[in-house]
Amino acid sequence: GDNCCGEKAHYAVMVARSKNAEGPFETLEEAEKTANSVIINKNDKWIAPGHNSVVTDDNGQEWMVYHAIDSKKPNGGRIILIDKITYKNGWPTVNSGTPSTTPIIKPTIK
């Protein structure tokens, strides 16, 4: 199985949707003919992004809050990250599919 921690940690955030909470569901891969349904995956800075939540700020902007592991300190625990969610063809996207590697504009909290 997949490892959850350390330098061999491997997982990502995937997406599916339905018009009904009980399904049927369609994956991004099925609907958009993409290679997979991953919307946020590792990059050179961060590995194993996951365990996400979607929150909405006071301006109505949606954000993904999740954790990832610093690739240069893989045994240092998970770090909480936040990135803006945008939509393309009705599907959520985060950056270009990987965690931010530079500071971002923060959510609006009044």
PDB file of N, CA and C in Angstrom:
ATOM      1  N   GLY A   1       0.812  -1.192   0.000  1.00  0.00           N
ATOM      2  CA  GLY A   1       0.000   0.000   0.000  1.00  0.00           C
ATOM      3  C   GLY A   1       0.855   1.255   0.000  1.00  0.00           C
ATOM      4  N   ASP A   2       0.204   2.366  -0.076  1.00  0.00           N
ATOM      5  CA  ASP A   2       0.892   3.655  -0.072  1.00  0.00           C
ATOM      6  C   ASP A   2       1.425   3.976   1.315  1.00  0.00           C
ATOM      7  N   ASN A   3       2.521   4.675   1.358  1.00  0.00           N
ATOM      8  CA  ASN A   3       3.078   5.165   2.611  1.00  0.00           C
ATOM      9  C   ASN A   3       2.450   6.508   2.938  1.00  0.00           C
ATOM     10  N   CYS A   4       2.236   6.757   4.207  1.00  0.00           N
ATOM     11  CA  CYS A   4       1.616   8.024   4.597  1.00  0.00           C
ATOM     12  C   CYS A   4       2.611   9.042   5.124  1.00  0.00           C
ATOM     13  N   CYS A   5       3.804   8.589   5.490  1.00  0.00           N
ATOM     14  CA  CYS A   5       4.720   9.490   6.180  1.00  0.00           C
ATOM     15  C   CYS A   5       6.139   9.328   5.657  1.00  0.00           C
ATOM     16  N   GLY A   6       6.954  10.353   5.902  1.00  0.00           N
ATOM     17  CA  GLY A   6       8.354  10.287   5.533  1.00  0.00           C
ATOM     18  C   GLY A   6       8.595  10.491   4.052  1.00  0.00           C
ATOM     19  N   GLU A   7       9.815  10.186   3.627  1.00  0.00           N
ATOM     20  CA  GLU A   7      10.223  10.488   2.254  1.00  0.00           C
ATOM     21  C   GLU A   7       9.506   9.648   1.205  1.00  0.00           C
ATOM     22  N   LYS A   8       8.908   8.520   1.590  1.00  0.00           N
ATOM     23  CA  LYS A   8       8.191   7.676   0.633  1.00  0.00           C
ATOM     24  C   LYS A   8       6.688   7.929   0.638  1.00  0.00           C
ATOM     25  N   ALA A   9       6.246   8.939   1.366  1.00  0.00           N
ATOM     26  CA  ALA A   9       4.813   9.257   1.414  1.00  0.00           C
ATOM     27  C   ALA A   9       4.310   9.549   0.006  1.00  0.00           C
ATOM     28  N   HIS A  10       3.148   8.982  -0.316  1.00  0.00           N
ATOM     29  CA  HIS A  10       2.623   9.163  -1.665  1.00  0.00           C
ATOM     30  C   HIS A  10       1.097   9.144  -1.637  1.00  0.00           C
ATOM     31  N   TYR A  11       0.514  10.293  -1.784  1.00  0.00           N
ATOM     32  CA  TYR A  11      -0.907  10.407  -2.042  1.00  0.00           C
ATOM     33  C   TYR A  11      -1.182  11.798  -2.558  1.00  0.00           C
ATOM     34  N   ALA A  12      -2.414  12.050  -2.963  1.00  0.00           N
ATOM     35  CA  ALA A  12      -2.781  13.313  -3.595  1.00  0.00           C
ATOM     36  C   ALA A  12      -4.275  13.533  -3.380  1.00  0.00           C
ATOM     37  N   VAL A  13      -4.769  14.706  -3.774  1.00  0.00           N
ATOM     38  CA  VAL A  13      -6.197  15.026  -3.670  1.00  0.00           C
ATOM     39  C   VAL A  13      -6.839  14.787  -5.033  1.00  0.00           C
ATOM     40  N   MET A  14      -7.896  13.972  -5.030  1.00  0.00           N
ATOM     41  CA  MET A  14      -8.632  13.669  -6.257  1.00  0.00           C
ATOM     42  C   MET A  14     -10.058  14.184  -6.118  1.00  0.00           C
ATOM     43  N   VAL A  15     -10.778  14.289  -7.244  1.00  0.00           N
ATOM     44  CA  VAL A  15     -12.118  14.849  -7.206  1.00  0.00           C
ATOM     45  C   VAL A  15     -13.093  14.027  -8.052  1.00  0.00           C
ATOM     46  N   ALA A  16     -14.328  13.964  -7.555  1.00  0.00           N
ATOM     47  CA  ALA A  16     -15.464  13.392  -8.282  1.00  0.00           C
ATOM     48  C   ALA A  16     -16.673  14.230  -7.894  1.00  0.00           C
ATOM     49  N   ARG A  17     -17.746  14.151  -8.675  1.00  0.00           N
ATOM     50  CA  ARG A  17     -18.939  14.941  -8.353  1.00  0.00           C
ATOM     51  C   ARG A  17     -20.199  14.187  -8.756  1.00  0.00           C
ATOM     52  N   SER A  18     -21.313  14.668  -8.194  1.00  0.00           N
ATOM     53  CA  SER A  18     -22.616  14.092  -8.488  1.00  0.00           C
ATOM     54  C   SER A  18     -23.689  15.145  -8.266  1.00  0.00           C
ATOM     55  N   LYS A  19     -24.815  14.984  -8.912  1.00  0.00           N
ATOM     56  CA  LYS A  19     -25.961  15.867  -8.676  1.00  0.00           C
ATOM     57  C   LYS A  19     -26.765  15.380  -7.475  1.00  0.00           C
ATOM     58  N   ASN A  20     -26.429  14.192  -6.956  1.00  0.00           N
ATOM     59  CA  ASN A  20     -27.129  13.592  -5.838  1.00  0.00           C
ATOM     60  C   ASN A  20     -26.087  13.064  -4.845  1.00  0.00           C
ATOM     61  N   ALA A  21     -26.303  13.297  -3.572  1.00  0.00           N
ATOM     62  CA  ALA A  21     -25.343  12.869  -2.546  1.00  0.00           C
ATOM     63  C   ALA A  21     -25.110  11.359  -2.545  1.00  0.00           C
ATOM     64  N   GLU A  22     -26.073  10.600  -3.055  1.00  0.00           N
ATOM     65  CA  GLU A  22     -25.935   9.145  -3.090  1.00  0.00           C
ATOM     66  C   GLU A  22     -25.433   8.627  -4.437  1.00  0.00           C
ATOM     67  N   GLY A  23     -25.081   9.540  -5.340  1.00  0.00           N
ATOM     68  CA  GLY A  23     -24.547   9.147  -6.642  1.00  0.00           C
ATOM     69  C   GLY A  23     -25.628   9.039  -7.693  1.00  0.00           C
ATOM     70  N   PRO A  24     -25.244   8.666  -8.869  1.00  0.00           N
ATOM     71  CA  PRO A  24     -23.926   8.207  -9.280  1.00  0.00           C
ATOM     72  C   PRO A  24     -22.928   9.364  -9.382  1.00  0.00           C
ATOM     73  N   PHE A  25     -21.664   9.031  -9.236  1.00  0.00           N
ATOM     74  CA  PHE A  25     -20.590  10.016  -9.291  1.00  0.00           C
ATOM     75  C   PHE A  25     -19.822   9.885 -10.595  1.00  0.00           C
ATOM     76  N   GLU A  26     -19.307  11.015 -11.059  1.00  0.00           N
ATOM     77  CA  GLU A  26     -18.392  11.005 -12.198  1.00  0.00           C
ATOM     78  C   GLU A  26     -17.072  11.592 -11.729  1.00  0.00           C
ATOM     79  N   THR A  27     -15.985  11.023 -12.197  1.00  0.00           N
ATOM     80  CA  THR A  27     -14.664  11.533 -11.848  1.00  0.00           C
ATOM     81  C   THR A  27     -14.233  12.568 -12.876  1.00  0.00           C
ATOM     82  N   LEU A  28     -13.287  13.380 -12.499  1.00  0.00           N
ATOM     83  CA  LEU A  28     -12.697  14.337 -13.436  1.00  0.00           C
ATOM     84  C   LEU A  28     -12.133  13.593 -14.639  1.00  0.00           C
ATOM     85  N   GLU A  29     -11.491  12.476 -14.380  1.00  0.00           N
ATOM     86  CA  GLU A  29     -10.898  11.668 -15.454  1.00  0.00           C
ATOM     87  C   GLU A  29     -11.960  11.237 -16.464  1.00  0.00           C
ATOM     88  N   GLU A  30     -13.107  10.761 -15.980  1.00  0.00           N
ATOM     89  CA  GLU A  30     -14.180  10.317 -16.873  1.00  0.00           C
ATOM     90  C   GLU A  30     -14.797  11.479 -17.637  1.00  0.00           C
ATOM     91  N   ALA A  31     -15.080  12.561 -16.926  1.00  0.00           N
ATOM     92  CA  ALA A  31     -15.807  13.682 -17.523  1.00  0.00           C
ATOM     93  C   ALA A  31     -14.976  14.489 -18.507  1.00  0.00           C
ATOM     94  N   GLU A  32     -13.719  14.714 -18.174  1.00  0.00           N
ATOM     95  CA  GLU A  32     -12.876  15.601 -18.986  1.00  0.00           C
ATOM     96  C   GLU A  32     -11.820  14.851 -19.795  1.00  0.00           C
ATOM     97  N   LYS A  33     -11.855  13.526 -19.729  1.00  0.00           N
ATOM     98  CA  LYS A  33     -10.884  12.697 -20.471  1.00  0.00           C
ATOM     99  C   LYS A  33      -9.440  13.067 -20.118  1.00  0.00           C
ATOM    100  N   THR A  34      -9.209  13.263 -18.819  1.00  0.00           N
ATOM    101  CA  THR A  34      -7.867  13.577 -18.335  1.00  0.00           C
ATOM    102  C   THR A  34      -7.147  12.278 -17.962  1.00  0.00           C
ATOM    103  N   ALA A  35      -5.868  12.376 -17.676  1.00  0.00           N
ATOM    104  CA  ALA A  35      -5.070  11.194 -17.335  1.00  0.00           C
ATOM    105  C   ALA A  35      -5.480  10.587 -15.994  1.00  0.00           C
ATOM    106  N   ASN A  36      -6.026  11.425 -15.086  1.00  0.00           N
ATOM    107  CA  ASN A  36      -6.476  10.960 -13.776  1.00  0.00           C
ATOM    108  C   ASN A  36      -7.392  12.026 -13.178  1.00  0.00           C
ATOM    109  N   SER A  37      -7.824  11.826 -11.945  1.00  0.00           N
ATOM    110  CA  SER A  37      -8.733  12.766 -11.280  1.00  0.00           C
ATOM    111  C   SER A  37      -8.044  13.610 -10.219  1.00  0.00           C
ATOM    112  N   VAL A  38      -6.729  13.652 -10.241  1.00  0.00           N
ATOM    113  CA  VAL A  38      -5.948  14.401  -9.254  1.00  0.00           C
ATOM    114  C   VAL A  38      -6.055  15.900  -9.526  1.00  0.00           C
ATOM    115  N   ILE A  39      -6.351  16.678  -8.458  1.00  0.00           N
ATOM    116  CA  ILE A  39      -6.368  18.139  -8.604  1.00  0.00           C
ATOM    117  C   ILE A  39      -5.221  18.803  -7.850  1.00  0.00           C
ATOM    118  N   ILE A  40      -4.575  18.068  -6.951  1.00  0.00           N
ATOM    119  CA  ILE A  40      -3.369  18.600  -6.312  1.00  0.00           C
ATOM    120  C   ILE A  40      -2.435  17.431  -5.980  1.00  0.00           C
ATOM    121  N   ASN A  41      -1.211  17.543  -6.475  1.00  0.00           N
ATOM    122  CA  ASN A  41      -0.228  16.478  -6.371  1.00  0.00           C
ATOM    123  C   ASN A  41       1.097  17.053  -5.882  1.00  0.00           C
ATOM    124  N   LYS A  42       2.076  16.229  -5.680  1.00  0.00           N
ATOM    125  CA  LYS A  42       3.383  16.679  -5.191  1.00  0.00           C
ATOM    126  C   LYS A  42       4.087  17.582  -6.202  1.00  0.00           C
ATOM    127  N   ASN A  43       5.069  18.314  -5.701  1.00  0.00           N
ATOM    128  CA  ASN A  43       5.989  19.069  -6.549  1.00  0.00           C
ATOM    129  C   ASN A  43       7.378  18.977  -5.907  1.00  0.00           C
ATOM    130  N   ASP A  44       8.326  19.779  -6.367  1.00  0.00           N
ATOM    131  CA  ASP A  44       9.683  19.694  -5.814  1.00  0.00           C
ATOM    132  C   ASP A  44       9.760  20.100  -4.341  1.00  0.00           C
ATOM    133  N   LYS A  45       8.866  20.992  -3.902  1.00  0.00           N
ATOM    134  CA  LYS A  45       8.888  21.512  -2.525  1.00  0.00           C
ATOM    135  C   LYS A  45       8.058  20.663  -1.566  1.00  0.00           C
ATOM    136  N   TRP A  46       6.890  20.196  -2.016  1.00  0.00           N
ATOM    137  CA  TRP A  46       5.936  19.517  -1.143  1.00  0.00           C
ATOM    138  C   TRP A  46       5.590  18.131  -1.679  1.00  0.00           C
ATOM    139  N   ILE A  47       5.521  17.138  -0.770  1.00  0.00           N
ATOM    140  CA  ILE A  47       5.083  15.798  -1.152  1.00  0.00           C
ATOM    141  C   ILE A  47       3.850  15.417  -0.339  1.00  0.00           C
ATOM    142  N   ALA A  48       3.084  14.490  -0.887  1.00  0.00           N
ATOM    143  CA  ALA A  48       1.921  13.902  -0.223  1.00  0.00           C
ATOM    144  C   ALA A  48       0.896  14.926   0.269  1.00  0.00           C
ATOM    145  N   PRO A  49       0.438  15.845  -0.595  1.00  0.00           N
ATOM    146  CA  PRO A  49      -0.622  16.754  -0.163  1.00  0.00           C
ATOM    147  C   PRO A  49      -1.927  15.986   0.039  1.00  0.00           C
ATOM    148  N   GLY A  50      -2.652  16.328   1.087  1.00  0.00           N
ATOM    149  CA  GLY A  50      -3.909  15.622   1.310  1.00  0.00           C
ATOM    150  C   GLY A  50      -4.622  16.034   2.570  1.00  0.00           C
ATOM    151  N   HIS A  51      -5.637  15.218   2.932  1.00  0.00           N
ATOM    152  CA  HIS A  51      -6.498  15.456   4.086  1.00  0.00           C
ATOM    153  C   HIS A  51      -7.013  16.889   4.078  1.00  0.00           C
ATOM    154  N   ASN A  52      -7.662  17.213   2.998  1.00  0.00           N
ATOM    155  CA  ASN A  52      -8.078  18.589   2.737  1.00  0.00           C
ATOM    156  C   ASN A  52      -9.481  18.899   3.238  1.00  0.00           C
ATOM    157  N   SER A  53      -9.723  20.194   3.384  1.00  0.00           N
ATOM    158  CA  SER A  53     -11.054  20.756   3.626  1.00  0.00           C
ATOM    159  C   SER A  53     -11.201  21.963   2.724  1.00  0.00           C
ATOM    160  N   VAL A  54     -12.437  22.242   2.338  1.00  0.00           N
ATOM    161  CA  VAL A  54     -12.726  23.442   1.554  1.00  0.00           C
ATOM    162  C   VAL A  54     -13.398  24.439   2.481  1.00  0.00           C
ATOM    163  N   VAL A  55     -12.870  25.660   2.521  1.00  0.00           N
ATOM    164  CA  VAL A  55     -13.444  26.726   3.337  1.00  0.00           C
ATOM    165  C   VAL A  55     -13.714  27.925   2.442  1.00  0.00           C
ATOM    166  N   THR A  56     -14.678  28.739   2.844  1.00  0.00           N
ATOM    167  CA  THR A  56     -15.035  29.942   2.090  1.00  0.00           C
ATOM    168  C   THR A  56     -14.726  31.157   2.943  1.00  0.00           C
ATOM    169  N   ASP A  57     -13.992  32.127   2.375  1.00  0.00           N
ATOM    170  CA  ASP A  57     -13.661  33.329   3.142  1.00  0.00           C
ATOM    171  C   ASP A  57     -14.822  34.321   3.110  1.00  0.00           C
ATOM    172  N   ASP A  58     -14.649  35.456   3.759  1.00  0.00           N
ATOM    173  CA  ASP A  58     -15.724  36.443   3.875  1.00  0.00           C
ATOM    174  C   ASP A  58     -16.051  37.148   2.565  1.00  0.00           C
ATOM    175  N   ASN A  59     -15.235  36.973   1.536  1.00  0.00           N
ATOM    176  CA  ASN A  59     -15.543  37.508   0.203  1.00  0.00           C
ATOM    177  C   ASN A  59     -16.165  36.459  -0.703  1.00  0.00           C
ATOM    178  N   GLY A  60     -16.411  35.259  -0.181  1.00  0.00           N
ATOM    179  CA  GLY A  60     -17.013  34.197  -0.972  1.00  0.00           C
ATOM    180  C   GLY A  60     -16.013  33.365  -1.766  1.00  0.00           C
ATOM    181  N   GLN A  61     -14.723  33.614  -1.588  1.00  0.00           N
ATOM    182  CA  GLN A  61     -13.685  32.846  -2.290  1.00  0.00           C
ATOM    183  C   GLN A  61     -13.460  31.517  -1.572  1.00  0.00           C
ATOM    184  N   GLU A  62     -13.430  30.435  -2.320  1.00  0.00           N
ATOM    185  CA  GLU A  62     -13.153  29.123  -1.741  1.00  0.00           C
ATOM    186  C   GLU A  62     -11.647  28.869  -1.697  1.00  0.00           C
ATOM    187  N   TRP A  63     -11.229  28.185  -0.628  1.00  0.00           N
ATOM    188  CA  TRP A  63      -9.825  27.852  -0.401  1.00  0.00           C
ATOM    189  C   TRP A  63      -9.725  26.384  -0.016  1.00  0.00           C
ATOM    190  N   MET A  64      -8.635  25.749  -0.395  1.00  0.00           N
ATOM    191  CA  MET A  64      -8.363  24.396   0.058  1.00  0.00           C
ATOM    192  C   MET A  64      -7.316  24.471   1.169  1.00  0.00           C
ATOM    193  N   VAL A  65      -7.667  23.934   2.321  1.00  0.00           N
ATOM    194  CA  VAL A  65      -6.744  23.819   3.450  1.00  0.00           C
ATOM    195  C   VAL A  65      -6.350  22.341   3.509  1.00  0.00           C
ATOM    196  N   TYR A  66      -5.059  22.076   3.566  1.00  0.00           N
ATOM    197  CA  TYR A  66      -4.580  20.698   3.518  1.00  0.00           C
ATOM    198  C   TYR A  66      -3.186  20.619   4.138  1.00  0.00           C
ATOM    199  N   HIS A  67      -2.690  19.432   4.282  1.00  0.00           N
ATOM    200  CA  HIS A  67      -1.324  19.295   4.778  1.00  0.00           C
ATOM    201  C   HIS A  67      -0.452  18.680   3.691  1.00  0.00           C
ATOM    202  N   ALA A  68       0.853  18.877   3.832  1.00  0.00           N
ATOM    203  CA  ALA A  68       1.840  18.258   2.948  1.00  0.00           C
ATOM    204  C   ALA A  68       3.138  18.125   3.735  1.00  0.00           C
ATOM    205  N   ILE A  69       4.066  17.407   3.167  1.00  0.00           N
ATOM    206  CA  ILE A  69       5.358  17.176   3.806  1.00  0.00           C
ATOM    207  C   ILE A  69       6.425  17.934   3.029  1.00  0.00           C
ATOM    208  N   ASP A  70       7.260  18.670   3.751  1.00  0.00           N
ATOM    209  CA  ASP A  70       8.380  19.380   3.129  1.00  0.00           C
ATOM    210  C   ASP A  70       9.346  18.334   2.565  1.00  0.00           C
ATOM    211  N   SER A  71       9.577  18.378   1.259  1.00  0.00           N
ATOM    212  CA  SER A  71      10.417  17.355   0.623  1.00  0.00           C
ATOM    213  C   SER A  71      11.859  17.364   1.134  1.00  0.00           C
ATOM    214  N   LYS A  72      12.303  18.492   1.680  1.00  0.00           N
ATOM    215  CA  LYS A  72      13.674  18.574   2.193  1.00  0.00           C
ATOM    216  C   LYS A  72      13.768  18.136   3.659  1.00  0.00           C
ATOM    217  N   LYS A  73      12.611  17.992   4.320  1.00  0.00           N
ATOM    218  CA  LYS A  73      12.553  17.528   5.709  1.00  0.00           C
ATOM    219  C   LYS A  73      11.444  16.483   5.819  1.00  0.00           C
ATOM    220  N   PRO A  74      11.564  15.355   5.120  1.00  0.00           N
ATOM    221  CA  PRO A  74      10.453  14.407   5.032  1.00  0.00           C
ATOM    222  C   PRO A  74      10.044  13.760   6.348  1.00  0.00           C
ATOM    223  N   ASN A  75      10.897  13.791   7.335  1.00  0.00           N
ATOM    224  CA  ASN A  75      10.543  13.219   8.635  1.00  0.00           C
ATOM    225  C   ASN A  75      10.202  14.298   9.654  1.00  0.00           C
ATOM    226  N   GLY A  76       9.972  15.516   9.175  1.00  0.00           N
ATOM    227  CA  GLY A  76       9.682  16.646  10.046  1.00  0.00           C
ATOM    228  C   GLY A  76       8.209  16.874  10.321  1.00  0.00           C
ATOM    229  N   GLY A  77       7.356  15.966   9.897  1.00  0.00           N
ATOM    230  CA  GLY A  77       5.921  16.119  10.119  1.00  0.00           C
ATOM    231  C   GLY A  77       5.242  16.831   8.965  1.00  0.00           C
ATOM    232  N   ARG A  78       3.950  16.985   9.106  1.00  0.00           N
ATOM    233  CA  ARG A  78       3.149  17.617   8.060  1.00  0.00           C
ATOM    234  C   ARG A  78       2.965  19.096   8.368  1.00  0.00           C
ATOM    235  N   ILE A  79       2.907  19.886   7.311  1.00  0.00           N
ATOM    236  CA  ILE A  79       2.716  21.330   7.413  1.00  0.00           C
ATOM    237  C   ILE A  79       1.345  21.664   6.827  1.00  0.00           C
ATOM    238  N   ILE A  80       0.616  22.576   7.470  1.00  0.00           N
ATOM    239  CA  ILE A  80      -0.680  23.019   6.956  1.00  0.00           C
ATOM    240  C   ILE A  80      -0.455  24.049   5.857  1.00  0.00           C
ATOM    241  N   LEU A  81      -1.133  23.863   4.731  1.00  0.00           N
ATOM    242  CA  LEU A  81      -1.062  24.776   3.589  1.00  0.00           C
ATOM    243  C   LEU A  81      -2.463  25.237   3.222  1.00  0.00           C
ATOM    244  N   ILE A  82      -2.550  26.351   2.501  1.00  0.00           N
ATOM    245  CA  ILE A  82      -3.829  26.848   2.004  1.00  0.00           C
ATOM    246  C   ILE A  82      -3.607  27.438   0.616  1.00  0.00           C
ATOM    247  N   ASP A  83      -4.488  27.101  -0.300  1.00  0.00           N
ATOM    248  CA  ASP A  83      -4.417  27.620  -1.666  1.00  0.00           C
ATOM    249  C   ASP A  83      -5.817  27.927  -2.178  1.00  0.00           C
ATOM    250  N   LYS A  84      -5.884  28.923  -3.050  1.00  0.00           N
ATOM    251  CA  LYS A  84      -7.149  29.353  -3.643  1.00  0.00           C
ATOM    252  C   LYS A  84      -7.672  28.293  -4.613  1.00  0.00           C
ATOM    253  N   ILE A  85      -8.986  28.092  -4.590  1.00  0.00           N
ATOM    254  CA  ILE A  85      -9.646  27.195  -5.534  1.00  0.00           C
ATOM    255  C   ILE A  85     -10.265  28.036  -6.646  1.00  0.00           C
ATOM    256  N   THR A  86     -10.037  27.639  -7.871  1.00  0.00           N
ATOM    257  CA  THR A  86     -10.725  28.228  -9.019  1.00  0.00           C
ATOM    258  C   THR A  86     -11.440  27.088  -9.734  1.00  0.00           C
ATOM    259  N   TYR A  87     -12.257  27.430 -10.707  1.00  0.00           N
ATOM    260  CA  TYR A  87     -13.020  26.407 -11.422  1.00  0.00           C
ATOM    261  C   TYR A  87     -12.788  26.499 -12.918  1.00  0.00           C
ATOM    262  N   LYS A  88     -12.685  25.341 -13.550  1.00  0.00           N
ATOM    263  CA  LYS A  88     -12.554  25.240 -15.001  1.00  0.00           C
ATOM    264  C   LYS A  88     -13.553  24.189 -15.471  1.00  0.00           C
ATOM    265  N   ASN A  89     -14.476  24.595 -16.316  1.00  0.00           N
ATOM    266  CA  ASN A  89     -15.531  23.693 -16.800  1.00  0.00           C
ATOM    267  C   ASN A  89     -16.317  23.061 -15.649  1.00  0.00           C
ATOM    268  N   GLY A  90     -16.486  23.826 -14.559  1.00  0.00           N
ATOM    269  CA  GLY A  90     -17.251  23.330 -13.417  1.00  0.00           C
ATOM    270  C   GLY A  90     -16.477  22.431 -12.464  1.00  0.00           C
ATOM    271  N   TRP A  91     -15.184  22.253 -12.708  1.00  0.00           N
ATOM    272  CA  TRP A  91     -14.348  21.409 -11.859  1.00  0.00           C
ATOM    273  C   TRP A  91     -13.371  22.261 -11.061  1.00  0.00           C
ATOM    274  N   PRO A  92     -13.148  21.932  -9.781  1.00  0.00           N
ATOM    275  CA  PRO A  92     -12.196  22.714  -8.980  1.00  0.00           C
ATOM    276  C   PRO A  92     -10.761  22.483  -9.443  1.00  0.00           C
ATOM    277  N   THR A  93      -9.979  23.551  -9.383  1.00  0.00           N
ATOM    278  CA  THR A  93      -8.547  23.460  -9.663  1.00  0.00           C
ATOM    279  C   THR A  93      -7.802  24.209  -8.564  1.00  0.00           C
ATOM    280  N   VAL A  94      -6.600  23.787  -8.290  1.00  0.00           N
ATOM    281  CA  VAL A  94      -5.746  24.444  -7.303  1.00  0.00           C
ATOM    282  C   VAL A  94      -4.402  24.680  -7.976  1.00  0.00           C
ATOM    283  N   ASN A  95      -4.038  25.968  -8.109  1.00  0.00           N
ATOM    284  CA  ASN A  95      -2.806  26.323  -8.821  1.00  0.00           C
ATOM    285  C   ASN A  95      -2.807  25.616 -10.165  1.00  0.00           C
ATOM    286  N   SER A  96      -1.723  24.997 -10.506  1.00  0.00           N
ATOM    287  CA  SER A  96      -1.670  24.190 -11.728  1.00  0.00           C
ATOM    288  C   SER A  96      -1.585  22.723 -11.355  1.00  0.00           C
ATOM    289  N   GLY A  97      -2.204  22.383 -10.228  1.00  0.00           N
ATOM    290  CA  GLY A  97      -2.232  20.996  -9.790  1.00  0.00           C
ATOM    291  C   GLY A  97      -1.221  20.631  -8.725  1.00  0.00           C
ATOM    292  N   THR A  98      -0.519  21.644  -8.182  1.00  0.00           N
ATOM    293  CA  THR A  98       0.444  21.379  -7.110  1.00  0.00           C
ATOM    294  C   THR A  98       0.366  22.483  -6.058  1.00  0.00           C
ATOM    295  N   PRO A  99       0.879  22.225  -4.848  1.00  0.00           N
ATOM    296  CA  PRO A  99       0.875  23.250  -3.806  1.00  0.00           C
ATOM    297  C   PRO A  99       1.683  24.484  -4.201  1.00  0.00           C
ATOM    298  N   SER A 100       1.300  25.626  -3.633  1.00  0.00           N
ATOM    299  CA  SER A 100       2.072  26.857  -3.834  1.00  0.00           C
ATOM    300  C   SER A 100       3.481  26.673  -3.295  1.00  0.00           C
ATOM    301  N   THR A 101       4.424  27.305  -3.953  1.00  0.00           N
ATOM    302  CA  THR A 101       5.806  27.259  -3.480  1.00  0.00           C
ATOM    303  C   THR A 101       6.301  28.637  -3.056  1.00  0.00           C
ATOM    304  N   THR A 102       5.460  29.653  -3.240  1.00  0.00           N
ATOM    305  CA  THR A 102       5.771  31.019  -2.819  1.00  0.00           C
ATOM    306  C   THR A 102       4.581  31.552  -2.035  1.00  0.00           C
ATOM    307  N   PRO A 103       4.766  32.614  -1.240  1.00  0.00           N
ATOM    308  CA  PRO A 103       3.644  33.174  -0.479  1.00  0.00           C
ATOM    309  C   PRO A 103       2.483  33.574  -1.393  1.00  0.00           C
ATOM    310  N   ILE A 104       1.267  33.436  -0.870  1.00  0.00           N
ATOM    311  CA  ILE A 104       0.059  33.777  -1.620  1.00  0.00           C
ATOM    312  C   ILE A 104      -0.691  34.890  -0.906  1.00  0.00           C
ATOM    313  N   ILE A 105      -1.648  35.506  -1.604  1.00  0.00           N
ATOM    314  CA  ILE A 105      -2.545  36.470  -0.970  1.00  0.00           C
ATOM    315  C   ILE A 105      -3.444  35.688  -0.025  1.00  0.00           C
ATOM    316  N   LYS A 106      -3.607  36.167   1.190  1.00  0.00           N
ATOM    317  CA  LYS A 106      -4.356  35.431   2.203  1.00  0.00           C
ATOM    318  C   LYS A 106      -5.865  35.563   1.999  1.00  0.00           C
ATOM    319  N   PRO A 107      -6.626  34.626   2.571  1.00  0.00           N
ATOM    320  CA  PRO A 107      -8.085  34.729   2.540  1.00  0.00           C
ATOM    321  C   PRO A 107      -8.557  35.965   3.293  1.00  0.00           C
ATOM    322  N   THR A 108      -9.736  36.455   2.940  1.00  0.00           N
ATOM    323  CA  THR A 108     -10.324  37.608   3.617  1.00  0.00           C
ATOM    324  C   THR A 108     -11.170  37.128   4.787  1.00  0.00           C
ATOM    325  N   ILE A 109     -10.767  37.489   5.984  1.00  0.00           N
ATOM    326  CA  ILE A 109     -11.505  37.166   7.205  1.00  0.00           C
ATOM    327  C   ILE A 109     -11.755  38.487   7.915  1.00  0.00           C
ATOM    328  N   LYS A 110     -13.025  38.841   8.063  1.00  0.00           N
ATOM    329  CA  LYS A 110     -13.374  40.129   8.687  1.00  0.00           C
ATOM    330  C   LYS A 110     -13.614  39.966  10.167  1.00  0.00           C
TER     331      LYS A 110
END
